[in-house]
C-alpha cells in the first residue's frame, strides 16, 4: 500500500450539490486560464473566461472578457477575440479579429 498525495485539493473533492459543482467548475476554469496565461495567451480577465473543450493557439492571441470556447477550437497567430464571444468547434486563422458578441460555429 502506498499513500498518494494530490497536488491540489480539487483533485479529490466530491460534489454533492449544485453549489459544490459550481465551485469546483470555477476552480477548474481558473486552472485552465492559468495554463493559457503561462503559455502566452492574453486573457483580459481570467475569471471571466470559460474553456469547455480543447484549445490550440498560436502566438500573440488576445481574448477579452466573457468569452466561451466550446468543443475543439484552434486559434492562429495574432488572433483577437472580442468580449462576449462564443466560439464552438472552429478554426480561426492567423491575423483574424472576432468582433464582440459574435457567435462562431463549425
N, C-alpha and C. Protein backbone atom coordinates (compact mmCIF):
# COMPACT_ATOMS: atom_id res chain seq x y z
N UNK A 1 0.85 -1.18 0.00
CA UNK A 1 0.00 0.00 0.00
C UNK A 1 0.89 1.23 0.00
N UNK A 2 0.55 2.18 -0.87
CA UNK A 2 1.32 3.40 -0.98
C UNK A 2 0.37 4.59 -0.84
N UNK A 3 0.75 5.56 -0.05
CA UNK A 3 -0.05 6.78 0.10
C UNK A 3 0.14 7.66 -1.13
N UNK A 4 -0.94 8.23 -1.58
CA UNK A 4 -0.89 9.15 -2.72
C UNK A 4 -1.36 10.51 -2.22
N UNK A 5 -0.58 11.53 -2.51
CA UNK A 5 -0.92 12.88 -2.08
C UNK A 5 -1.24 13.73 -3.31
N UNK A 6 -2.47 14.22 -3.40
CA UNK A 6 -2.82 15.05 -4.56
C UNK A 6 -2.06 16.37 -4.54
N UNK A 7 -1.79 16.89 -5.72
CA UNK A 7 -1.13 18.20 -5.81
C UNK A 7 -2.07 19.32 -5.40
N UNK A 8 -3.36 19.14 -5.71
CA UNK A 8 -4.36 20.15 -5.39
C UNK A 8 -5.56 19.46 -4.73
N UNK A 9 -6.16 20.13 -3.78
CA UNK A 9 -7.34 19.60 -3.11
C UNK A 9 -8.47 19.33 -4.10
N UNK A 10 -8.56 20.15 -5.14
CA UNK A 10 -9.64 20.00 -6.12
C UNK A 10 -9.61 18.64 -6.82
N UNK A 11 -8.46 17.97 -6.82
CA UNK A 11 -8.35 16.66 -7.48
C UNK A 11 -9.15 15.58 -6.75
N UNK A 12 -9.45 15.79 -5.49
CA UNK A 12 -10.12 14.74 -4.71
C UNK A 12 -11.44 15.22 -4.09
N UNK A 13 -11.84 16.44 -4.37
CA UNK A 13 -13.09 16.95 -3.81
C UNK A 13 -14.28 16.23 -4.43
N UNK A 14 -15.28 15.98 -3.62
CA UNK A 14 -16.52 15.40 -4.10
C UNK A 14 -17.54 16.48 -4.36
N UNK A 15 -18.59 16.11 -5.08
CA UNK A 15 -19.67 17.05 -5.38
C UNK A 15 -20.97 16.41 -4.96
N UNK A 16 -21.68 17.07 -4.04
CA UNK A 16 -22.94 16.54 -3.54
C UNK A 16 -24.13 17.43 -3.85
N UNK A 17 -23.88 18.63 -4.35
CA UNK A 17 -24.98 19.52 -4.70
C UNK A 17 -24.51 20.52 -5.76
N UNK A 18 -25.42 21.31 -6.25
CA UNK A 18 -25.08 22.23 -7.35
C UNK A 18 -24.13 23.35 -6.92
N UNK A 19 -24.19 23.75 -5.68
CA UNK A 19 -23.27 24.77 -5.19
C UNK A 19 -21.83 24.25 -5.22
N UNK A 20 -21.63 23.04 -4.75
CA UNK A 20 -20.29 22.45 -4.78
C UNK A 20 -19.82 22.24 -6.22
N UNK A 21 -20.73 21.86 -7.10
CA UNK A 21 -20.39 21.69 -8.51
C UNK A 21 -19.95 23.01 -9.13
N UNK A 22 -20.68 24.08 -8.83
CA UNK A 22 -20.33 25.40 -9.36
C UNK A 22 -18.97 25.85 -8.85
N UNK A 23 -18.69 25.61 -7.58
CA UNK A 23 -17.40 26.00 -7.01
C UNK A 23 -16.26 25.22 -7.66
N UNK A 24 -16.46 23.93 -7.85
CA UNK A 24 -15.42 23.11 -8.47
C UNK A 24 -15.21 23.49 -9.94
N UNK A 25 -16.28 23.86 -10.62
CA UNK A 25 -16.16 24.33 -12.00
C UNK A 25 -15.30 25.59 -12.06
N UNK A 26 -15.49 26.52 -11.12
CA UNK A 26 -14.67 27.74 -11.09
C UNK A 26 -13.21 27.41 -10.84
N UNK A 27 -12.93 26.44 -9.98
CA UNK A 27 -11.55 26.01 -9.74
C UNK A 27 -10.95 25.47 -11.03
N UNK A 28 -11.70 24.62 -11.71
CA UNK A 28 -11.22 24.04 -12.97
C UNK A 28 -10.96 25.14 -14.01
N UNK A 29 -11.89 26.08 -14.14
CA UNK A 29 -11.72 27.15 -15.13
C UNK A 29 -10.52 28.03 -14.79
N UNK A 30 -10.29 28.28 -13.51
CA UNK A 30 -9.12 29.07 -13.10
C UNK A 30 -7.83 28.34 -13.47
N UNK A 31 -7.82 27.03 -13.31
CA UNK A 31 -6.64 26.24 -13.69
C UNK A 31 -6.39 26.30 -15.19
N UNK A 32 -7.47 26.23 -15.98
CA UNK A 32 -7.32 26.32 -17.44
C UNK A 32 -6.80 27.70 -17.85
N UNK A 33 -7.34 28.75 -17.23
CA UNK A 33 -6.89 30.11 -17.53
C UNK A 33 -5.42 30.28 -17.18
N UNK A 34 -5.00 29.74 -16.05
CA UNK A 34 -3.60 29.85 -15.63
C UNK A 34 -2.67 29.20 -16.66
N UNK A 35 -3.05 28.02 -17.13
CA UNK A 35 -2.23 27.34 -18.15
C UNK A 35 -2.10 28.19 -19.41
N UNK A 36 -3.21 28.80 -19.83
CA UNK A 36 -3.17 29.62 -21.04
C UNK A 36 -2.31 30.87 -20.84
N UNK A 37 -2.46 31.50 -19.69
CA UNK A 37 -1.65 32.69 -19.41
C UNK A 37 -0.16 32.35 -19.41
N UNK A 38 0.19 31.24 -18.80
CA UNK A 38 1.59 30.82 -18.76
C UNK A 38 2.12 30.46 -20.15
N UNK A 39 1.21 30.06 -21.04
CA UNK A 39 1.59 29.72 -22.41
C UNK A 39 1.64 30.94 -23.32
N UNK A 40 1.29 32.12 -22.78
CA UNK A 40 1.40 33.35 -23.55
C UNK A 40 0.11 33.93 -24.08
N UNK A 41 -1.04 33.31 -23.79
CA UNK A 41 -2.32 33.85 -24.23
C UNK A 41 -2.70 35.00 -23.31
N UNK A 42 -3.15 36.13 -23.89
CA UNK A 42 -3.60 37.27 -23.10
C UNK A 42 -5.09 37.11 -22.81
N UNK A 43 -5.42 36.88 -21.55
CA UNK A 43 -6.82 36.84 -21.11
C UNK A 43 -7.08 38.14 -20.37
N UNK A 44 -7.98 38.97 -20.87
CA UNK A 44 -8.25 40.27 -20.25
C UNK A 44 -8.71 40.13 -18.81
N UNK A 45 -9.52 39.12 -18.53
CA UNK A 45 -9.93 38.83 -17.15
C UNK A 45 -10.08 37.32 -17.03
N UNK A 46 -9.08 36.65 -16.49
CA UNK A 46 -9.11 35.19 -16.40
C UNK A 46 -10.32 34.63 -15.66
N UNK A 47 -10.90 35.40 -14.75
CA UNK A 47 -12.07 34.93 -14.00
C UNK A 47 -13.33 34.94 -14.85
N UNK A 48 -13.29 35.63 -15.99
CA UNK A 48 -14.46 35.70 -16.86
C UNK A 48 -14.15 35.11 -18.23
N UNK A 49 -13.67 33.87 -18.20
CA UNK A 49 -13.32 33.11 -19.40
C UNK A 49 -13.67 31.65 -19.14
N UNK A 50 -14.34 31.01 -20.08
CA UNK A 50 -14.69 29.59 -19.92
C UNK A 50 -14.17 28.79 -21.11
N UNK A 51 -13.42 27.75 -20.80
CA UNK A 51 -12.95 26.79 -21.80
C UNK A 51 -13.70 25.49 -21.56
N UNK A 52 -14.58 25.14 -22.48
CA UNK A 52 -15.42 23.94 -22.35
C UNK A 52 -15.05 22.94 -23.43
N UNK A 53 -13.79 22.66 -23.53
CA UNK A 53 -13.29 21.73 -24.54
C UNK A 53 -11.79 21.86 -24.62
N UNK A 54 -11.27 21.85 -25.86
CA UNK A 54 -9.82 21.97 -26.05
C UNK A 54 -9.51 23.22 -26.86
N UNK A 55 -8.34 23.77 -26.60
CA UNK A 55 -7.89 24.96 -27.32
C UNK A 55 -6.45 24.77 -27.76
N UNK A 56 -6.23 24.92 -29.06
CA UNK A 56 -4.88 25.03 -29.62
C UNK A 56 -4.73 26.48 -30.05
N UNK A 57 -3.61 27.09 -29.71
CA UNK A 57 -3.47 28.52 -30.01
C UNK A 57 -2.09 28.83 -30.55
N UNK A 58 -2.05 29.88 -31.35
CA UNK A 58 -0.79 30.38 -31.86
C UNK A 58 -0.21 31.42 -30.92
N UNK A 59 0.63 32.26 -31.48
CA UNK A 59 1.30 33.30 -30.69
C UNK A 59 0.49 34.59 -30.69
N UNK A 60 0.64 35.36 -29.63
CA UNK A 60 0.04 36.69 -29.51
C UNK A 60 -1.49 36.66 -29.64
N UNK A 61 -2.11 35.68 -29.02
CA UNK A 61 -3.57 35.57 -29.01
C UNK A 61 -4.11 36.41 -27.85
N UNK A 62 -5.18 37.18 -28.12
CA UNK A 62 -5.82 38.01 -27.09
C UNK A 62 -7.29 37.63 -26.99
N UNK A 63 -7.74 37.38 -25.77
CA UNK A 63 -9.13 37.00 -25.53
C UNK A 63 -9.71 37.96 -24.49
N UNK A 64 -10.77 38.66 -24.88
CA UNK A 64 -11.41 39.63 -24.00
C UNK A 64 -12.33 38.92 -22.99
N UNK A 65 -13.08 39.66 -22.23
CA UNK A 65 -13.90 39.12 -21.14
C UNK A 65 -15.15 38.39 -21.63
N UNK A 66 -15.62 37.48 -20.80
CA UNK A 66 -16.87 36.75 -21.02
C UNK A 66 -16.90 35.96 -22.32
N UNK A 67 -15.77 35.39 -22.69
CA UNK A 67 -15.67 34.56 -23.88
C UNK A 67 -15.84 33.10 -23.48
N UNK A 68 -16.59 32.35 -24.29
CA UNK A 68 -16.78 30.91 -24.07
C UNK A 68 -16.25 30.18 -25.30
N UNK A 69 -15.34 29.24 -25.07
CA UNK A 69 -14.82 28.38 -26.13
C UNK A 69 -15.32 26.98 -25.86
N UNK A 70 -16.04 26.39 -26.84
CA UNK A 70 -16.63 25.07 -26.67
C UNK A 70 -16.12 24.11 -27.73
N UNK A 71 -15.97 22.85 -27.34
CA UNK A 71 -15.52 21.83 -28.29
C UNK A 71 -14.06 22.02 -28.62
N UNK A 72 -13.70 21.69 -29.86
CA UNK A 72 -12.32 21.81 -30.33
C UNK A 72 -12.14 23.14 -31.05
N UNK A 73 -11.36 24.02 -30.46
CA UNK A 73 -11.14 25.36 -31.01
C UNK A 73 -9.66 25.53 -31.31
N UNK A 74 -9.36 26.08 -32.49
CA UNK A 74 -7.99 26.38 -32.89
C UNK A 74 -7.93 27.87 -33.22
N UNK A 75 -7.00 28.58 -32.58
CA UNK A 75 -6.80 30.00 -32.84
C UNK A 75 -5.39 30.19 -33.39
N UNK A 76 -5.29 30.82 -34.54
CA UNK A 76 -3.98 31.05 -35.16
C UNK A 76 -3.20 32.16 -34.47
N UNK A 77 -2.11 32.55 -35.08
CA UNK A 77 -1.27 33.62 -34.55
C UNK A 77 -1.99 34.97 -34.65
N UNK A 78 -1.80 35.80 -33.63
CA UNK A 78 -2.29 37.18 -33.59
C UNK A 78 -3.81 37.27 -33.72
N UNK A 79 -4.52 36.30 -33.20
CA UNK A 79 -5.99 36.32 -33.20
C UNK A 79 -6.47 37.15 -32.02
N UNK A 80 -7.50 37.96 -32.26
CA UNK A 80 -8.12 38.75 -31.20
C UNK A 80 -9.60 38.38 -31.13
N UNK A 81 -10.04 37.98 -29.93
CA UNK A 81 -11.44 37.61 -29.71
C UNK A 81 -12.07 38.69 -28.84
N UNK A 82 -13.13 39.33 -29.33
CA UNK A 82 -13.80 40.39 -28.59
C UNK A 82 -14.63 39.87 -27.43
N UNK A 83 -15.07 40.77 -26.59
CA UNK A 83 -15.85 40.43 -25.40
C UNK A 83 -17.15 39.72 -25.76
N UNK A 84 -17.53 38.77 -24.93
CA UNK A 84 -18.83 38.13 -25.05
C UNK A 84 -18.98 37.16 -26.20
N UNK A 85 -17.91 36.76 -26.82
CA UNK A 85 -18.00 35.83 -27.96
C UNK A 85 -18.18 34.39 -27.51
N UNK A 86 -18.82 33.61 -28.36
CA UNK A 86 -18.92 32.17 -28.19
C UNK A 86 -18.35 31.54 -29.45
N UNK A 87 -17.37 30.68 -29.28
CA UNK A 87 -16.74 30.00 -30.42
C UNK A 87 -16.83 28.51 -30.18
N UNK A 88 -17.47 27.79 -31.13
CA UNK A 88 -17.70 26.35 -30.99
C UNK A 88 -17.06 25.60 -32.15
N UNK A 89 -16.25 24.60 -31.81
CA UNK A 89 -15.69 23.69 -32.82
C UNK A 89 -15.25 24.42 -34.09
N UNK A 90 -14.37 25.39 -33.94
CA UNK A 90 -13.98 26.23 -35.07
C UNK A 90 -12.48 26.44 -35.12
N UNK A 91 -12.00 26.75 -36.32
CA UNK A 91 -10.61 27.15 -36.53
C UNK A 91 -10.62 28.59 -37.02
N UNK A 92 -9.90 29.44 -36.30
CA UNK A 92 -9.77 30.85 -36.66
C UNK A 92 -8.33 31.05 -37.14
N UNK A 93 -8.17 31.51 -38.37
CA UNK A 93 -6.85 31.64 -38.96
C UNK A 93 -6.04 32.80 -38.41
N UNK A 94 -4.79 32.87 -38.84
CA UNK A 94 -3.88 33.93 -38.40
C UNK A 94 -4.45 35.32 -38.71
N UNK A 95 -4.15 36.27 -37.83
CA UNK A 95 -4.45 37.69 -38.03
C UNK A 95 -5.94 38.00 -38.14
N UNK A 96 -6.79 37.17 -37.54
CA UNK A 96 -8.23 37.42 -37.56
C UNK A 96 -8.67 38.11 -36.27
N UNK A 97 -9.69 38.95 -36.39
CA UNK A 97 -10.28 39.60 -35.24
C UNK A 97 -11.77 39.29 -35.23
N UNK A 98 -12.24 38.73 -34.13
CA UNK A 98 -13.66 38.40 -33.98
C UNK A 98 -14.31 39.52 -33.18
N UNK A 99 -15.32 40.16 -33.76
CA UNK A 99 -15.97 41.30 -33.11
C UNK A 99 -16.70 40.87 -31.84
N UNK A 100 -16.84 41.80 -30.89
CA UNK A 100 -17.55 41.48 -29.65
C UNK A 100 -18.94 40.90 -29.91
N UNK A 101 -19.33 39.97 -29.07
CA UNK A 101 -20.65 39.33 -29.04
C UNK A 101 -20.96 38.51 -30.29
N UNK A 102 -19.92 38.08 -30.98
CA UNK A 102 -20.10 37.20 -32.14
C UNK A 102 -20.24 35.76 -31.68
N UNK A 103 -20.95 34.98 -32.48
CA UNK A 103 -21.04 33.53 -32.28
C UNK A 103 -20.48 32.88 -33.53
N UNK A 104 -19.46 32.05 -33.34
CA UNK A 104 -18.81 31.36 -34.45
C UNK A 104 -18.94 29.87 -34.20
N UNK A 105 -19.57 29.16 -35.13
CA UNK A 105 -19.75 27.72 -35.00
C UNK A 105 -19.21 27.03 -36.24
N UNK A 106 -18.88 25.75 -36.06
CA UNK A 106 -18.39 24.96 -37.20
C UNK A 106 -19.41 25.02 -38.29
